[in-house]
Amino acid sequence: HAECDVSRFCTSRKFKPFVTCHSSELDVPPQSERTESPPLPDRSNTQQLNLARSMFKLGHSTSKLKIFSGSGNEDLAAQIANYLGVELGNVIRKQFSDGETYIRLLESVRGCDVFIIQPTCMEVNRTLMELFIMVDACRRASAHSVT
């Protein structure tokens, strides 16, 4: 076991944990010996459709399956919903002038398996916040699962 000194310090009214460890005790290779992690594969729309097909074959019934789209790629979400024979869920998405995001689901998701299609490649902050707010809205509306 590596021994770490854990202490707390205060800077500008925010408390942050400060941990110091000795890398020799943690079996971490030196920076010069570390390898870069491989880049994430770029999935085409066909690969993403195949992923949706495999998820659909896992036993989801279409009566309890809801697909919602973020503003990142509405065309892809429409293609997936069309392929699965499910209507794309109705949602209101607004961006206020101060940068806040507003999401409202216009249909019930209680007890449903919800899939949210939202890539995060462009405008990462905006699309991630939109995704998190959509997941939160589905959870608060008692969705069975959110993917």
N, C-alpha and C. Protein backbone atom coordinates (compact mmCIF):
# COMPACT_ATOMS: atom_id res chain seq x y z
N HIS A 1 0.83 -1.19 0.00
CA HIS A 1 0.00 0.00 0.00
C HIS A 1 0.87 1.25 0.00
N ALA A 2 0.48 2.21 -0.80
CA ALA A 2 1.18 3.48 -0.84
C ALA A 2 0.61 4.38 0.24
N GLU A 3 1.49 5.11 0.89
CA GLU A 3 1.03 6.03 1.91
C GLU A 3 0.90 7.41 1.30
N CYS A 4 -0.22 8.04 1.53
CA CYS A 4 -0.49 9.36 0.99
C CYS A 4 -0.79 10.30 2.14
N ASP A 5 -0.30 11.53 2.03
CA ASP A 5 -0.63 12.57 2.99
C ASP A 5 -1.83 13.33 2.46
N VAL A 6 -2.93 13.29 3.19
CA VAL A 6 -4.13 13.99 2.77
C VAL A 6 -4.33 15.16 3.71
N SER A 7 -4.43 16.33 3.14
CA SER A 7 -4.69 17.53 3.95
C SER A 7 -5.65 18.42 3.20
N ARG A 8 -6.19 19.38 3.89
CA ARG A 8 -7.12 20.32 3.26
C ARG A 8 -6.52 21.72 3.38
N PHE A 9 -6.77 22.50 2.39
CA PHE A 9 -6.36 23.90 2.44
C PHE A 9 -7.49 24.75 1.90
N CYS A 10 -7.47 26.01 2.27
CA CYS A 10 -8.55 26.92 1.90
C CYS A 10 -8.01 28.01 0.98
N THR A 11 -8.64 28.16 -0.18
CA THR A 11 -8.31 29.28 -1.07
C THR A 11 -9.61 29.90 -1.53
N SER A 12 -9.74 31.14 -1.30
CA SER A 12 -10.90 31.95 -1.71
C SER A 12 -12.24 31.26 -1.43
N ARG A 13 -12.44 30.87 -0.20
CA ARG A 13 -13.70 30.29 0.29
C ARG A 13 -14.07 28.95 -0.33
N LYS A 14 -13.17 28.32 -1.06
CA LYS A 14 -13.46 27.00 -1.62
C LYS A 14 -12.48 26.00 -1.03
N PHE A 15 -12.99 24.91 -0.51
CA PHE A 15 -12.13 23.87 0.03
C PHE A 15 -11.86 22.83 -1.04
N LYS A 16 -10.60 22.51 -1.24
CA LYS A 16 -10.23 21.52 -2.23
C LYS A 16 -9.34 20.48 -1.55
N PRO A 17 -9.57 19.20 -1.82
CA PRO A 17 -8.67 18.20 -1.23
C PRO A 17 -7.31 18.27 -1.91
N PHE A 18 -6.26 18.11 -1.12
CA PHE A 18 -4.90 18.13 -1.64
C PHE A 18 -4.24 16.82 -1.24
N VAL A 19 -3.84 16.02 -2.20
CA VAL A 19 -3.27 14.71 -1.95
C VAL A 19 -1.88 14.66 -2.55
N THR A 20 -0.91 14.22 -1.76
CA THR A 20 0.44 14.01 -2.29
C THR A 20 0.80 12.55 -2.13
N CYS A 21 1.26 11.95 -3.20
CA CYS A 21 1.67 10.55 -3.18
C CYS A 21 3.04 10.45 -3.85
N HIS A 22 3.76 9.46 -3.48
CA HIS A 22 5.05 9.20 -4.10
C HIS A 22 4.84 8.19 -5.21
N SER A 23 5.17 8.57 -6.46
CA SER A 23 4.89 7.71 -7.61
C SER A 23 5.66 6.40 -7.53
N SER A 24 6.80 6.37 -6.85
CA SER A 24 7.55 5.11 -6.75
C SER A 24 6.79 4.08 -5.94
N GLU A 25 5.94 4.56 -5.01
CA GLU A 25 5.16 3.64 -4.19
C GLU A 25 3.90 3.17 -4.90
N LEU A 26 3.49 3.85 -5.97
CA LEU A 26 2.25 3.52 -6.65
C LEU A 26 2.46 2.68 -7.91
N ASP A 27 3.67 2.31 -8.23
CA ASP A 27 4.00 1.55 -9.43
C ASP A 27 3.52 2.26 -10.69
N VAL A 28 3.69 3.57 -10.76
CA VAL A 28 3.33 4.35 -11.93
C VAL A 28 4.59 4.56 -12.75
N PRO A 29 4.56 4.23 -14.05
CA PRO A 29 5.77 4.43 -14.86
C PRO A 29 6.10 5.92 -14.99
N PRO A 30 7.38 6.25 -15.13
CA PRO A 30 7.75 7.65 -15.33
C PRO A 30 7.09 8.22 -16.57
N GLN A 31 7.00 9.55 -16.63
CA GLN A 31 6.33 10.22 -17.75
C GLN A 31 6.93 9.82 -19.09
N SER A 32 8.25 9.62 -19.15
CA SER A 32 8.91 9.29 -20.41
C SER A 32 8.54 7.89 -20.91
N GLU A 33 8.10 6.99 -20.03
CA GLU A 33 7.77 5.63 -20.41
C GLU A 33 6.27 5.43 -20.68
N ARG A 34 5.46 6.43 -20.41
CA ARG A 34 4.02 6.30 -20.61
C ARG A 34 3.70 6.37 -22.09
N THR A 35 2.70 5.58 -22.49
CA THR A 35 2.28 5.59 -23.88
C THR A 35 0.98 6.37 -24.01
N GLU A 36 0.80 6.96 -25.15
CA GLU A 36 -0.44 7.69 -25.43
C GLU A 36 -1.59 6.70 -25.59
N SER A 37 -2.75 7.07 -25.09
CA SER A 37 -3.90 6.20 -25.29
C SER A 37 -4.36 6.33 -26.74
N PRO A 38 -4.85 5.26 -27.34
CA PRO A 38 -5.26 5.32 -28.74
C PRO A 38 -6.45 6.25 -28.90
N PRO A 39 -6.54 6.95 -30.03
CA PRO A 39 -7.68 7.84 -30.24
C PRO A 39 -8.97 7.04 -30.35
N LEU A 40 -10.06 7.67 -29.96
CA LEU A 40 -11.36 7.02 -30.07
C LEU A 40 -11.73 6.83 -31.53
N PRO A 41 -12.34 5.69 -31.87
CA PRO A 41 -12.70 5.47 -33.26
C PRO A 41 -13.79 6.44 -33.70
N ASP A 42 -13.72 6.86 -34.94
CA ASP A 42 -14.73 7.74 -35.51
C ASP A 42 -15.83 6.86 -36.09
N ARG A 43 -16.99 6.92 -35.49
CA ARG A 43 -18.10 6.07 -35.94
C ARG A 43 -18.92 6.79 -36.99
N SER A 44 -19.17 6.11 -38.06
CA SER A 44 -20.03 6.68 -39.09
C SER A 44 -21.48 6.47 -38.70
N ASN A 45 -22.38 7.08 -39.45
CA ASN A 45 -23.82 6.90 -39.18
C ASN A 45 -24.22 5.44 -39.30
N THR A 46 -23.61 4.70 -40.23
CA THR A 46 -23.93 3.28 -40.41
C THR A 46 -23.54 2.50 -39.16
N GLN A 47 -22.38 2.78 -38.60
CA GLN A 47 -21.95 2.08 -37.40
C GLN A 47 -22.87 2.41 -36.23
N GLN A 48 -23.30 3.67 -36.13
CA GLN A 48 -24.19 4.06 -35.04
C GLN A 48 -25.57 3.42 -35.21
N LEU A 49 -26.03 3.28 -36.47
CA LEU A 49 -27.29 2.59 -36.71
C LEU A 49 -27.19 1.12 -36.32
N ASN A 50 -26.05 0.49 -36.63
CA ASN A 50 -25.84 -0.91 -36.24
C ASN A 50 -25.83 -1.05 -34.73
N LEU A 51 -25.24 -0.09 -34.02
CA LEU A 51 -25.25 -0.10 -32.57
C LEU A 51 -26.68 -0.01 -32.05
N ALA A 52 -27.48 0.86 -32.66
CA ALA A 52 -28.89 0.99 -32.25
C ALA A 52 -29.65 -0.30 -32.51
N ARG A 53 -29.37 -0.95 -33.64
CA ARG A 53 -30.04 -2.23 -33.95
C ARG A 53 -29.72 -3.27 -32.90
N SER A 54 -28.44 -3.36 -32.51
CA SER A 54 -28.05 -4.37 -31.52
C SER A 54 -28.70 -4.07 -30.17
N MET A 55 -28.82 -2.78 -29.81
CA MET A 55 -29.47 -2.43 -28.56
C MET A 55 -30.95 -2.79 -28.61
N PHE A 56 -31.57 -2.61 -29.77
CA PHE A 56 -32.99 -2.91 -29.93
C PHE A 56 -33.24 -4.40 -29.84
N LYS A 57 -32.30 -5.22 -30.31
CA LYS A 57 -32.48 -6.67 -30.30
C LYS A 57 -32.32 -7.27 -28.91
N LEU A 58 -31.92 -6.45 -27.92
CA LEU A 58 -31.73 -6.96 -26.57
C LEU A 58 -33.05 -7.20 -25.84
N GLY A 59 -34.18 -6.94 -26.49
CA GLY A 59 -35.46 -7.25 -25.87
C GLY A 59 -36.29 -6.05 -25.50
N HIS A 60 -35.96 -4.89 -26.01
CA HIS A 60 -36.77 -3.72 -25.72
C HIS A 60 -38.05 -3.78 -26.54
N SER A 61 -39.18 -3.58 -25.90
CA SER A 61 -40.43 -3.52 -26.65
C SER A 61 -40.64 -2.09 -27.12
N THR A 62 -41.23 -1.94 -28.29
CA THR A 62 -41.38 -0.59 -28.85
C THR A 62 -42.40 0.24 -28.09
N SER A 63 -43.30 -0.40 -27.34
CA SER A 63 -44.29 0.38 -26.60
C SER A 63 -43.66 1.13 -25.43
N LYS A 64 -42.56 0.62 -24.90
CA LYS A 64 -41.89 1.27 -23.78
C LYS A 64 -40.55 1.86 -24.17
N LEU A 65 -40.33 2.04 -25.45
CA LEU A 65 -39.08 2.59 -25.95
C LEU A 65 -39.31 4.01 -26.43
N LYS A 66 -38.53 4.95 -25.91
CA LYS A 66 -38.63 6.35 -26.32
C LYS A 66 -37.25 6.81 -26.76
N ILE A 67 -37.21 7.51 -27.88
CA ILE A 67 -35.95 8.06 -28.39
C ILE A 67 -36.10 9.56 -28.47
N PHE A 68 -35.16 10.27 -27.84
CA PHE A 68 -35.15 11.73 -27.88
C PHE A 68 -33.85 12.18 -28.52
N SER A 69 -33.90 13.34 -29.14
CA SER A 69 -32.72 13.89 -29.79
C SER A 69 -32.33 15.21 -29.16
N GLY A 70 -31.02 15.36 -28.95
CA GLY A 70 -30.51 16.67 -28.59
C GLY A 70 -30.33 17.46 -29.87
N SER A 71 -29.82 18.66 -29.75
CA SER A 71 -29.65 19.49 -30.94
C SER A 71 -28.39 19.15 -31.72
N GLY A 72 -27.58 18.21 -31.23
CA GLY A 72 -26.32 17.87 -31.89
C GLY A 72 -26.47 17.22 -33.25
N ASN A 73 -27.36 16.24 -33.40
CA ASN A 73 -27.54 15.55 -34.68
C ASN A 73 -28.96 14.99 -34.75
N GLU A 74 -29.88 15.85 -35.08
CA GLU A 74 -31.28 15.45 -35.13
C GLU A 74 -31.55 14.49 -36.29
N ASP A 75 -30.79 14.61 -37.38
CA ASP A 75 -30.97 13.71 -38.53
C ASP A 75 -30.65 12.27 -38.16
N LEU A 76 -29.56 12.07 -37.42
CA LEU A 76 -29.19 10.71 -37.00
C LEU A 76 -30.27 10.12 -36.10
N ALA A 77 -30.76 10.89 -35.16
CA ALA A 77 -31.82 10.41 -34.26
C ALA A 77 -33.08 10.05 -35.05
N ALA A 78 -33.41 10.85 -36.05
CA ALA A 78 -34.59 10.56 -36.88
C ALA A 78 -34.39 9.27 -37.67
N GLN A 79 -33.18 9.03 -38.18
CA GLN A 79 -32.89 7.79 -38.91
C GLN A 79 -32.99 6.58 -38.00
N ILE A 80 -32.47 6.69 -36.79
CA ILE A 80 -32.54 5.58 -35.83
C ILE A 80 -33.99 5.28 -35.46
N ALA A 81 -34.75 6.33 -35.16
CA ALA A 81 -36.16 6.13 -34.80
C ALA A 81 -36.94 5.54 -35.96
N ASN A 82 -36.68 5.99 -37.18
CA ASN A 82 -37.35 5.46 -38.36
C ASN A 82 -37.01 3.99 -38.56
N TYR A 83 -35.75 3.63 -38.40
CA TYR A 83 -35.33 2.24 -38.57
C TYR A 83 -36.00 1.32 -37.55
N LEU A 84 -36.13 1.81 -36.31
CA LEU A 84 -36.72 1.00 -35.25
C LEU A 84 -38.25 1.04 -35.27
N GLY A 85 -38.82 1.89 -36.09
CA GLY A 85 -40.27 1.98 -36.17
C GLY A 85 -40.88 2.69 -34.99
N VAL A 86 -40.15 3.64 -34.42
CA VAL A 86 -40.60 4.39 -33.26
C VAL A 86 -40.59 5.86 -33.62
N GLU A 87 -41.56 6.61 -33.12
CA GLU A 87 -41.56 8.04 -33.36
C GLU A 87 -40.52 8.71 -32.47
N LEU A 88 -39.87 9.71 -33.00
CA LEU A 88 -38.92 10.49 -32.22
C LEU A 88 -39.69 11.29 -31.17
N GLY A 89 -39.21 11.27 -29.94
CA GLY A 89 -39.89 11.95 -28.84
C GLY A 89 -39.92 13.46 -29.02
N ASN A 90 -40.99 14.07 -28.55
CA ASN A 90 -41.13 15.52 -28.63
C ASN A 90 -40.48 16.17 -27.43
N VAL A 91 -39.63 17.14 -27.70
CA VAL A 91 -38.93 17.85 -26.64
C VAL A 91 -38.75 19.31 -27.07
N ILE A 92 -38.85 20.20 -26.10
CA ILE A 92 -38.58 21.61 -26.36
C ILE A 92 -37.18 21.90 -25.82
N ARG A 93 -36.33 22.48 -26.68
CA ARG A 93 -34.98 22.87 -26.28
C ARG A 93 -34.84 24.37 -26.54
N LYS A 94 -34.45 25.12 -25.52
CA LYS A 94 -34.24 26.56 -25.68
C LYS A 94 -32.90 26.94 -25.09
N GLN A 95 -32.30 27.94 -25.66
CA GLN A 95 -31.08 28.53 -25.13
C GLN A 95 -31.40 29.97 -24.77
N PHE A 96 -31.35 30.32 -23.49
CA PHE A 96 -31.64 31.67 -23.06
C PHE A 96 -30.48 32.59 -23.39
N SER A 97 -30.72 33.89 -23.39
CA SER A 97 -29.70 34.87 -23.76
C SER A 97 -28.51 34.85 -22.81
N ASP A 98 -28.71 34.42 -21.56
CA ASP A 98 -27.59 34.36 -20.61
C ASP A 98 -26.83 33.04 -20.69
N GLY A 99 -27.19 32.16 -21.65
CA GLY A 99 -26.47 30.91 -21.85
C GLY A 99 -27.10 29.71 -21.18
N GLU A 100 -28.14 29.93 -20.37
CA GLU A 100 -28.81 28.81 -19.71
C GLU A 100 -29.59 27.97 -20.72
N THR A 101 -29.73 26.68 -20.41
CA THR A 101 -30.42 25.75 -21.30
C THR A 101 -31.74 25.32 -20.67
N TYR A 102 -32.78 25.29 -21.48
CA TYR A 102 -34.12 24.88 -21.03
C TYR A 102 -34.52 23.64 -21.82
N ILE A 103 -34.91 22.58 -21.12
CA ILE A 103 -35.36 21.33 -21.75
C ILE A 103 -36.71 20.97 -21.14
N ARG A 104 -37.67 20.63 -22.00
CA ARG A 104 -38.97 20.16 -21.51
C ARG A 104 -39.43 19.00 -22.37
N LEU A 105 -39.67 17.85 -21.74
CA LEU A 105 -40.20 16.68 -22.44
C LEU A 105 -41.69 16.87 -22.61
N LEU A 106 -42.19 16.67 -23.82
CA LEU A 106 -43.60 16.90 -24.09
C LEU A 106 -44.42 15.62 -24.09
N GLU A 107 -43.86 14.55 -23.58
CA GLU A 107 -44.59 13.29 -23.46
C GLU A 107 -44.11 12.53 -22.23
N SER A 108 -44.94 11.64 -21.76
CA SER A 108 -44.62 10.88 -20.56
C SER A 108 -43.57 9.81 -20.86
N VAL A 109 -42.60 9.70 -19.96
CA VAL A 109 -41.57 8.66 -20.08
C VAL A 109 -41.60 7.72 -18.87
N ARG A 110 -42.65 7.82 -18.08
CA ARG A 110 -42.74 6.99 -16.87
C ARG A 110 -42.68 5.51 -17.22
N GLY A 111 -41.71 4.81 -16.66
CA GLY A 111 -41.55 3.38 -16.86
C GLY A 111 -40.97 2.99 -18.22
N CYS A 112 -40.55 3.95 -19.02
CA CYS A 112 -40.03 3.66 -20.37
C CYS A 112 -38.51 3.57 -20.37
N ASP A 113 -38.00 2.87 -21.38
CA ASP A 113 -36.56 2.85 -21.64
C ASP A 113 -36.29 4.01 -22.59
N VAL A 114 -35.52 4.98 -22.14
CA VAL A 114 -35.28 6.20 -22.91
C VAL A 114 -33.87 6.17 -23.48
N PHE A 115 -33.77 6.48 -24.77
CA PHE A 115 -32.48 6.61 -25.44
C PHE A 115 -32.35 8.05 -25.90
N ILE A 116 -31.25 8.69 -25.52
CA ILE A 116 -31.00 10.07 -25.93
C ILE A 116 -29.85 10.07 -26.91
N ILE A 117 -30.10 10.59 -28.11
CA ILE A 117 -29.07 10.67 -29.14
C ILE A 117 -28.52 12.09 -29.10
N GLN A 118 -27.25 12.22 -28.68
CA GLN A 118 -26.64 13.54 -28.59
C GLN A 118 -25.13 13.42 -28.71
N PRO A 119 -24.58 13.66 -29.90
CA PRO A 119 -23.12 13.67 -30.02
C PRO A 119 -22.55 14.91 -29.33
N THR A 120 -21.31 14.83 -28.92
CA THR A 120 -20.69 15.94 -28.20
C THR A 120 -19.44 16.45 -28.91
N CYS A 121 -19.44 16.39 -30.23
CA CYS A 121 -18.22 16.74 -30.95
C CYS A 121 -18.07 18.24 -31.19
N MET A 122 -19.14 18.94 -31.47
CA MET A 122 -19.05 20.37 -31.72
C MET A 122 -19.75 21.12 -30.60
N GLU A 123 -19.19 22.24 -30.20
CA GLU A 123 -19.71 23.01 -29.07
C GLU A 123 -19.91 22.10 -27.86
N VAL A 124 -18.82 21.55 -27.39
CA VAL A 124 -18.84 20.51 -26.37
C VAL A 124 -19.59 20.95 -25.11
N ASN A 125 -19.31 22.13 -24.61
CA ASN A 125 -19.97 22.58 -23.37
C ASN A 125 -21.48 22.62 -23.52
N ARG A 126 -21.95 23.21 -24.62
CA ARG A 126 -23.40 23.34 -24.83
C ARG A 126 -24.06 21.98 -24.99
N THR A 127 -23.46 21.10 -25.81
CA THR A 127 -24.09 19.80 -26.05
C THR A 127 -24.04 18.91 -24.82
N LEU A 128 -22.95 18.97 -24.06
CA LEU A 128 -22.88 18.17 -22.82
C LEU A 128 -23.91 18.65 -21.80
N MET A 129 -24.02 19.95 -21.61
CA MET A 129 -25.01 20.46 -20.66
C MET A 129 -26.42 20.10 -21.10
N GLU A 130 -26.68 20.18 -22.40
CA GLU A 130 -28.00 19.79 -22.91
C GLU A 130 -28.26 18.32 -22.63
N LEU A 131 -27.26 17.48 -22.84
CA LEU A 131 -27.39 16.05 -22.57
C LEU A 131 -27.66 15.79 -21.09
N PHE A 132 -26.89 16.42 -20.21
CA PHE A 132 -27.07 16.21 -18.77
C PHE A 132 -28.45 16.68 -18.31
N ILE A 133 -28.92 17.79 -18.85
CA ILE A 133 -30.24 18.29 -18.46
C ILE A 133 -31.33 17.35 -18.99
N MET A 134 -31.15 16.79 -20.18
CA MET A 134 -32.13 15.84 -20.72
C MET A 134 -32.16 14.56 -19.87
N VAL A 135 -30.99 14.07 -19.47
CA VAL A 135 -30.94 12.88 -18.61
C VAL A 135 -31.62 13.17 -17.29
N ASP A 136 -31.35 14.34 -16.70
CA ASP A 136 -31.98 14.71 -15.44
C ASP A 136 -33.49 14.81 -15.58
N ALA A 137 -33.96 15.39 -16.69
CA ALA A 137 -35.41 15.50 -16.92
C ALA A 137 -36.05 14.13 -17.02
N CYS A 138 -35.39 13.20 -17.69
CA CYS A 138 -35.93 11.83 -17.82
C CYS A 138 -35.95 11.12 -16.47
N ARG A 139 -34.89 11.28 -15.70
CA ARG A 139 -34.84 10.65 -14.37
C ARG A 139 -35.95 11.20 -13.46
N ARG A 140 -36.13 12.52 -13.49
CA ARG A 140 -37.17 13.13 -12.65
C ARG A 140 -38.57 12.76 -13.11
N ALA A 141 -38.72 12.38 -14.38
CA ALA A 141 -40.01 11.97 -14.92
C ALA A 141 -40.23 10.46 -14.77
N SER A 142 -39.40 9.79 -13.98
CA SER A 142 -39.53 8.37 -13.62
C SER A 142 -39.33 7.42 -14.79
N ALA A 143 -38.36 7.72 -15.65
CA ALA A 143 -38.01 6.78 -16.72
C ALA A 143 -37.39 5.53 -16.10
N HIS A 144 -37.69 4.35 -16.67
CA HIS A 144 -37.12 3.11 -16.17
C HIS A 144 -35.61 3.09 -16.33
N SER A 145 -35.13 3.47 -17.51
CA SER A 145 -33.69 3.56 -17.76
C SER A 145 -33.44 4.66 -18.78
N VAL A 146 -32.25 5.26 -18.69
CA VAL A 146 -31.85 6.30 -19.62
C VAL A 146 -30.49 5.93 -20.18
N THR A 147 -30.41 5.88 -21.51
CA THR A 147 -29.15 5.53 -22.18
C THR A 147 -28.82 6.61 -23.16
